[in-house]
């Protein structure tokens, strides 16, 4: 094992430790707002979402999504988690769904992985929402632009399956 491989292994190990620590804090505190003792949050998207605010947990590859104040915002998260659970029954779609590490249906708070942005031109070629709806019965109407991200191995992930 050369020096670069050792550094990469150490980085992966530290990232895993930070991820487990953050999830332990979130499960213990069960946050309702973006003020979580022991974690530093940085807003992503700067107010782009209609239903939620998304914050990246600094030092990890996780994001936490908080519903905005108003009607239907917690229902948006409930719908998304219900669709993720339903679509995960199909083996071919599992690779394109984000893992849900924490979910509180009462408050609408959800923790999942962070994925980098994909330009809409690439996303349009990948999305087959009509085919998915035909095969599974699950309507994926909002699979456009910012709702599709990429994993490190260039596999698209549907990060918002709400409405």
C-alpha atoms as a PDB file:
ATOM      1  CA  UNK A   1       0.000   0.000   0.000  1.00  0.00           C
ATOM      2  CA  UNK A   2       1.562   3.275  -1.090  1.00  0.00           C
ATOM      3  CA  UNK A   3       1.248   6.659   0.645  1.00  0.00           C
ATOM      4  CA  UNK A   4      -1.683   7.858  -1.468  1.00  0.00           C
ATOM      5  CA  UNK A   5      -3.674   4.719  -0.743  1.00  0.00           C
ATOM      6  CA  UNK A   6      -2.993   5.106   2.978  1.00  0.00           C
ATOM      7  CA  UNK A   7      -4.138   8.732   2.931  1.00  0.00           C
ATOM      8  CA  UNK A   8      -7.301   7.801   1.058  1.00  0.00           C
ATOM      9  CA  UNK A   9      -8.066   4.966   3.478  1.00  0.00           C
ATOM     10  CA  UNK A  10      -7.575   7.313   6.428  1.00  0.00           C
ATOM     11  CA  UNK A  11      -9.848   9.917   4.826  1.00  0.00           C
ATOM     12  CA  UNK A  12     -12.585   7.351   4.191  1.00  0.00           C
ATOM     13  CA  UNK A  13     -12.282   6.099   7.780  1.00  0.00           C
ATOM     14  CA  UNK A  14     -12.534   9.629   9.227  1.00  0.00           C
ATOM     15  CA  UNK A  15     -15.500  10.435   6.997  1.00  0.00           C
ATOM     16  CA  UNK A  16     -17.265   7.302   8.219  1.00  0.00           C
ATOM     17  CA  UNK A  17     -16.586   8.199  11.850  1.00  0.00           C
ATOM     18  CA  UNK A  18     -17.889  11.745  11.336  1.00  0.00           C
ATOM     19  CA  UNK A  19     -20.990  10.399   9.598  1.00  0.00           C
ATOM     20  CA  UNK A  20     -21.769   7.961  12.430  1.00  0.00           C
ATOM     21  CA  UNK A  21     -21.210  10.689  15.037  1.00  0.00           C
ATOM     22  CA  UNK A  22     -23.540  13.117  13.243  1.00  0.00           C
ATOM     23  CA  UNK A  23     -26.281  10.489  12.886  1.00  0.00           C
ATOM     24  CA  UNK A  24     -25.969   9.554  16.566  1.00  0.00           C
ATOM     25  CA  UNK A  25     -26.396  13.229  17.551  1.00  0.00           C
ATOM     26  CA  UNK A  26     -29.387  13.667  15.225  1.00  0.00           C
ATOM     27  CA  UNK A  27     -31.120  10.526  16.494  1.00  0.00           C
ATOM     28  CA  UNK A  28     -30.568  11.635  20.088  1.00  0.00           C
ATOM     29  CA  UNK A  29     -31.580  15.291  19.688  1.00  0.00           C
ATOM     30  CA  UNK A  30     -34.357  14.723  17.098  1.00  0.00           C
ATOM     31  CA  UNK A  31     -34.034  18.290  15.763  1.00  0.00           C
ATOM     32  CA  UNK A  32     -36.916  20.400  14.528  1.00  0.00           C
ATOM     33  CA  UNK A  33     -34.809  23.407  13.475  1.00  0.00           C
ATOM     34  CA  UNK A  34     -31.366  23.975  11.971  1.00  0.00           C
ATOM     35  CA  UNK A  35     -29.763  24.597  15.381  1.00  0.00           C
ATOM     36  CA  UNK A  36     -28.262  21.290  16.441  1.00  0.00           C
ATOM     37  CA  UNK A  37     -25.746  21.313  19.303  1.00  0.00           C
ATOM     38  CA  UNK A  38     -22.507  19.620  18.273  1.00  0.00           C
ATOM     39  CA  UNK A  39     -23.036  19.956  14.507  1.00  0.00           C
ATOM     40  CA  UNK A  40     -22.200  22.720  12.052  1.00  0.00           C
ATOM     41  CA  UNK A  41     -24.740  23.149   9.253  1.00  0.00           C
ATOM     42  CA  UNK A  42     -24.277  25.043   6.000  1.00  0.00           C
ATOM     43  CA  UNK A  43     -27.315  25.842   3.858  1.00  0.00           C
ATOM     44  CA  UNK A  44     -27.243  24.467   0.326  1.00  0.00           C
ATOM     45  CA  UNK A  45     -29.268  25.996  -2.451  1.00  0.00           C
ATOM     46  CA  UNK A  46     -29.897  29.224  -0.520  1.00  0.00           C
ATOM     47  CA  UNK A  47     -33.673  29.082  -0.329  1.00  0.00           C
ATOM     48  CA  UNK A  48     -34.321  27.298  -3.617  1.00  0.00           C
ATOM     49  CA  UNK A  49     -36.779  24.726  -2.308  1.00  0.00           C
ATOM     50  CA  UNK A  50     -40.487  25.444  -2.140  1.00  0.00           C
ATOM     51  CA  UNK A  51     -41.146  23.036   0.716  1.00  0.00           C
ATOM     52  CA  UNK A  52     -37.850  22.520   2.548  1.00  0.00           C
ATOM     53  CA  UNK A  53     -34.521  24.044   3.463  1.00  0.00           C
ATOM     54  CA  UNK A  54     -31.538  21.764   2.969  1.00  0.00           C
ATOM     55  CA  UNK A  55     -28.376  22.005   5.049  1.00  0.00           C
ATOM     56  CA  UNK A  56     -25.117  20.169   4.534  1.00  0.00           C
ATOM     57  CA  UNK A  57     -23.579  18.773   7.721  1.00  0.00           C
ATOM     58  CA  UNK A  58     -20.000  20.078   7.702  1.00  0.00           C
ATOM     59  CA  UNK A  59     -17.354  17.350   7.845  1.00  0.00           C
ATOM     60  CA  UNK A  60     -19.640  14.681   6.408  1.00  0.00           C
ATOM     61  CA  UNK A  61     -21.326  13.834   3.128  1.00  0.00           C
ATOM     62  CA  UNK A  62     -24.804  14.173   4.673  1.00  0.00           C
ATOM     63  CA  UNK A  63     -27.628  16.672   4.219  1.00  0.00           C
ATOM     64  CA  UNK A  64     -30.500  17.332   6.572  1.00  0.00           C
ATOM     65  CA  UNK A  65     -33.802  18.618   5.210  1.00  0.00           C
ATOM     66  CA  UNK A  66     -36.133  20.742   7.365  1.00  0.00           C
ATOM     67  CA  UNK A  67     -39.674  21.606   6.230  1.00  0.00           C
ATOM     68  CA  UNK A  68     -40.596  25.266   5.901  1.00  0.00           C
ATOM     69  CA  UNK A  69     -43.360  26.714   8.019  1.00  0.00           C
ATOM     70  CA  UNK A  70     -46.640  26.387   6.198  1.00  0.00           C
ATOM     71  CA  UNK A  71     -49.189  23.902   4.986  1.00  0.00           C
ATOM     72  CA  UNK A  72     -48.142  20.727   3.244  1.00  0.00           C
ATOM     73  CA  UNK A  73     -44.415  20.952   3.916  1.00  0.00           C
ATOM     74  CA  UNK A  74     -44.214  17.948   6.260  1.00  0.00           C
ATOM     75  CA  UNK A  75     -46.517  16.049   3.913  1.00  0.00           C
ATOM     76  CA  UNK A  76     -43.973  16.597   1.125  1.00  0.00           C
ATOM     77  CA  UNK A  77     -41.349  14.666   3.104  1.00  0.00           C
ATOM     78  CA  UNK A  78     -43.833  11.924   4.006  1.00  0.00           C
ATOM     79  CA  UNK A  79     -44.706  11.501   0.326  1.00  0.00           C
ATOM     80  CA  UNK A  80     -41.030  11.375  -0.632  1.00  0.00           C
ATOM     81  CA  UNK A  81     -40.162   8.691   1.930  1.00  0.00           C
ATOM     82  CA  UNK A  82     -43.234   6.671   0.952  1.00  0.00           C
ATOM     83  CA  UNK A  83     -42.142   6.772  -2.717  1.00  0.00           C
ATOM     84  CA  UNK A  84     -38.554   5.822  -1.840  1.00  0.00           C
ATOM     85  CA  UNK A  85     -39.813   2.802   0.118  1.00  0.00           C
ATOM     86  CA  UNK A  86     -42.149   1.770  -2.682  1.00  0.00           C
ATOM     87  CA  UNK A  87     -39.536   2.165  -5.447  1.00  0.00           C
ATOM     88  CA  UNK A  88     -36.837   0.346  -3.452  1.00  0.00           C
ATOM     89  CA  UNK A  89     -38.780  -2.871  -4.018  1.00  0.00           C
ATOM     90  CA  UNK A  90     -37.580  -2.729  -7.633  1.00  0.00           C
ATOM     91  CA  UNK A  91     -33.977  -3.895  -7.890  1.00  0.00           C
ATOM     92  CA  UNK A  92     -33.182  -1.828 -10.988  1.00  0.00           C
ATOM     93  CA  UNK A  93     -34.207   1.430  -9.256  1.00  0.00           C
ATOM     94  CA  UNK A  94     -32.449   0.935  -5.894  1.00  0.00           C
ATOM     95  CA  UNK A  95     -29.185   2.323  -7.222  1.00  0.00           C
ATOM     96  CA  UNK A  96     -30.951   5.569  -8.175  1.00  0.00           C
ATOM     97  CA  UNK A  97     -32.603   6.222  -4.802  1.00  0.00           C
ATOM     98  CA  UNK A  98     -30.984   8.093  -1.920  1.00  0.00           C
ATOM     99  CA  UNK A  99     -30.588   6.250   1.391  1.00  0.00           C
ATOM    100  CA  UNK A 100     -32.700   7.655   4.231  1.00  0.00           C
ATOM    101  CA  UNK A 101     -30.591   7.575   7.412  1.00  0.00           C
ATOM    102  CA  UNK A 102     -33.059   9.459   9.611  1.00  0.00           C
ATOM    103  CA  UNK A 103     -36.695  10.321   9.123  1.00  0.00           C
ATOM    104  CA  UNK A 104     -39.197  11.867  11.523  1.00  0.00           C
ATOM    105  CA  UNK A 105     -42.647  11.848   9.960  1.00  0.00           C
ATOM    106  CA  UNK A 106     -44.147  14.020  12.675  1.00  0.00           C
ATOM    107  CA  UNK A 107     -41.704  16.889  12.109  1.00  0.00           C
ATOM    108  CA  UNK A 108     -40.830  16.217   8.454  1.00  0.00           C
ATOM    109  CA  UNK A 109     -37.059  16.102   9.097  1.00  0.00           C
ATOM    110  CA  UNK A 110     -34.964  13.809   6.922  1.00  0.00           C
ATOM    111  CA  UNK A 111     -31.243  12.981   6.629  1.00  0.00           C
ATOM    112  CA  UNK A 112     -29.737  11.560   3.451  1.00  0.00           C
ATOM    113  CA  UNK A 113     -26.493  11.638   1.464  1.00  0.00           C
ATOM    114  CA  UNK A 114     -25.247  14.728  -0.348  1.00  0.00           C
ATOM    115  CA  UNK A 115     -24.932  14.457  -4.125  1.00  0.00           C
ATOM    116  CA  UNK A 116     -23.344  16.940  -6.493  1.00  0.00           C
ATOM    117  CA  UNK A 117     -25.414  18.942  -8.968  1.00  0.00           C
ATOM    118  CA  UNK A 118     -26.031  17.715 -12.512  1.00  0.00           C
ATOM    119  CA  UNK A 119     -26.770  20.140 -15.317  1.00  0.00           C
ATOM    120  CA  UNK A 120     -30.349  19.732 -16.636  1.00  0.00           C
ATOM    121  CA  UNK A 121     -29.215  18.684 -20.137  1.00  0.00           C
ATOM    122  CA  UNK A 122     -27.590  15.516 -18.775  1.00  0.00           C
ATOM    123  CA  UNK A 123     -30.486  14.806 -16.424  1.00  0.00           C
ATOM    124  CA  UNK A 124     -33.058  15.046 -19.221  1.00  0.00           C
ATOM    125  CA  UNK A 125     -31.372  12.183 -21.095  1.00  0.00           C
ATOM    126  CA  UNK A 126     -31.446   9.917 -18.048  1.00  0.00           C
ATOM    127  CA  UNK A 127     -34.928  10.461 -16.674  1.00  0.00           C
ATOM    128  CA  UNK A 128     -37.645   8.126 -17.794  1.00  0.00           C
ATOM    129  CA  UNK A 129     -40.368   9.142 -15.358  1.00  0.00           C
ATOM    130  CA  UNK A 130     -43.161   8.011 -17.682  1.00  0.00           C
ATOM    131  CA  UNK A 131     -41.631   4.544 -17.996  1.00  0.00           C
ATOM    132  CA  UNK A 132     -41.122   4.314 -14.220  1.00  0.00           C
ATOM    133  CA  UNK A 133     -44.741   5.321 -13.641  1.00  0.00           C
ATOM    134  CA  UNK A 134     -45.962   2.781 -16.200  1.00  0.00           C
ATOM    135  CA  UNK A 135     -43.974  -0.067 -14.640  1.00  0.00           C
ATOM    136  CA  UNK A 136     -44.324   0.728 -10.932  1.00  0.00           C
ATOM    137  CA  UNK A 137     -47.449   2.834 -10.652  1.00  0.00           C
ATOM    138  CA  UNK A 138     -45.488   5.564  -8.843  1.00  0.00           C
ATOM    139  CA  UNK A 139     -45.750   9.026 -10.404  1.00  0.00           C
ATOM    140  CA  UNK A 140     -42.431  10.890 -10.532  1.00  0.00           C
ATOM    141  CA  UNK A 141     -43.549  14.260 -11.867  1.00  0.00           C
ATOM    142  CA  UNK A 142     -40.777  16.444 -10.435  1.00  0.00           C
ATOM    143  CA  UNK A 143     -37.650  14.741 -11.816  1.00  0.00           C
ATOM    144  CA  UNK A 144     -36.119  17.780 -13.424  1.00  0.00           C
ATOM    145  CA  UNK A 145     -32.933  19.820 -13.094  1.00  0.00           C
ATOM    146  CA  UNK A 146     -31.976  20.235  -9.470  1.00  0.00           C
ATOM    147  CA  UNK A 147     -33.873  17.138  -8.286  1.00  0.00           C
ATOM    148  CA  UNK A 148     -31.445  14.778 -10.008  1.00  0.00           C
ATOM    149  CA  UNK A 149     -27.872  14.574  -8.735  1.00  0.00           C
ATOM    150  CA  UNK A 150     -24.894  12.317  -9.463  1.00  0.00           C
ATOM    151  CA  UNK A 151     -23.039   9.759  -7.410  1.00  0.00           C
ATOM    152  CA  UNK A 152     -19.260   9.641  -7.724  1.00  0.00           C
ATOM    153  CA  UNK A 153     -19.500   6.858 -10.329  1.00  0.00           C
ATOM    154  CA  UNK A 154     -21.724   9.029 -12.607  1.00  0.00           C
ATOM    155  CA  UNK A 155     -24.958   7.271 -11.656  1.00  0.00           C
ATOM    156  CA  UNK A 156     -27.961   9.601 -11.397  1.00  0.00           C
ATOM    157  CA  UNK A 157     -29.829   9.732  -8.079  1.00  0.00           C
ATOM    158  CA  UNK A 158     -33.345  11.117  -7.614  1.00  0.00           C
ATOM    159  CA  UNK A 159     -32.930  13.362  -4.553  1.00  0.00           C
ATOM    160  CA  UNK A 160     -36.469  14.801  -4.418  1.00  0.00           C
ATOM    161  CA  UNK A 161     -39.407  12.504  -5.097  1.00  0.00           C
ATOM    162  CA  UNK A 162     -42.009  14.596  -3.256  1.00  0.00           C
ATOM    163  CA  UNK A 163     -44.761  15.752  -5.600  1.00  0.00           C
END
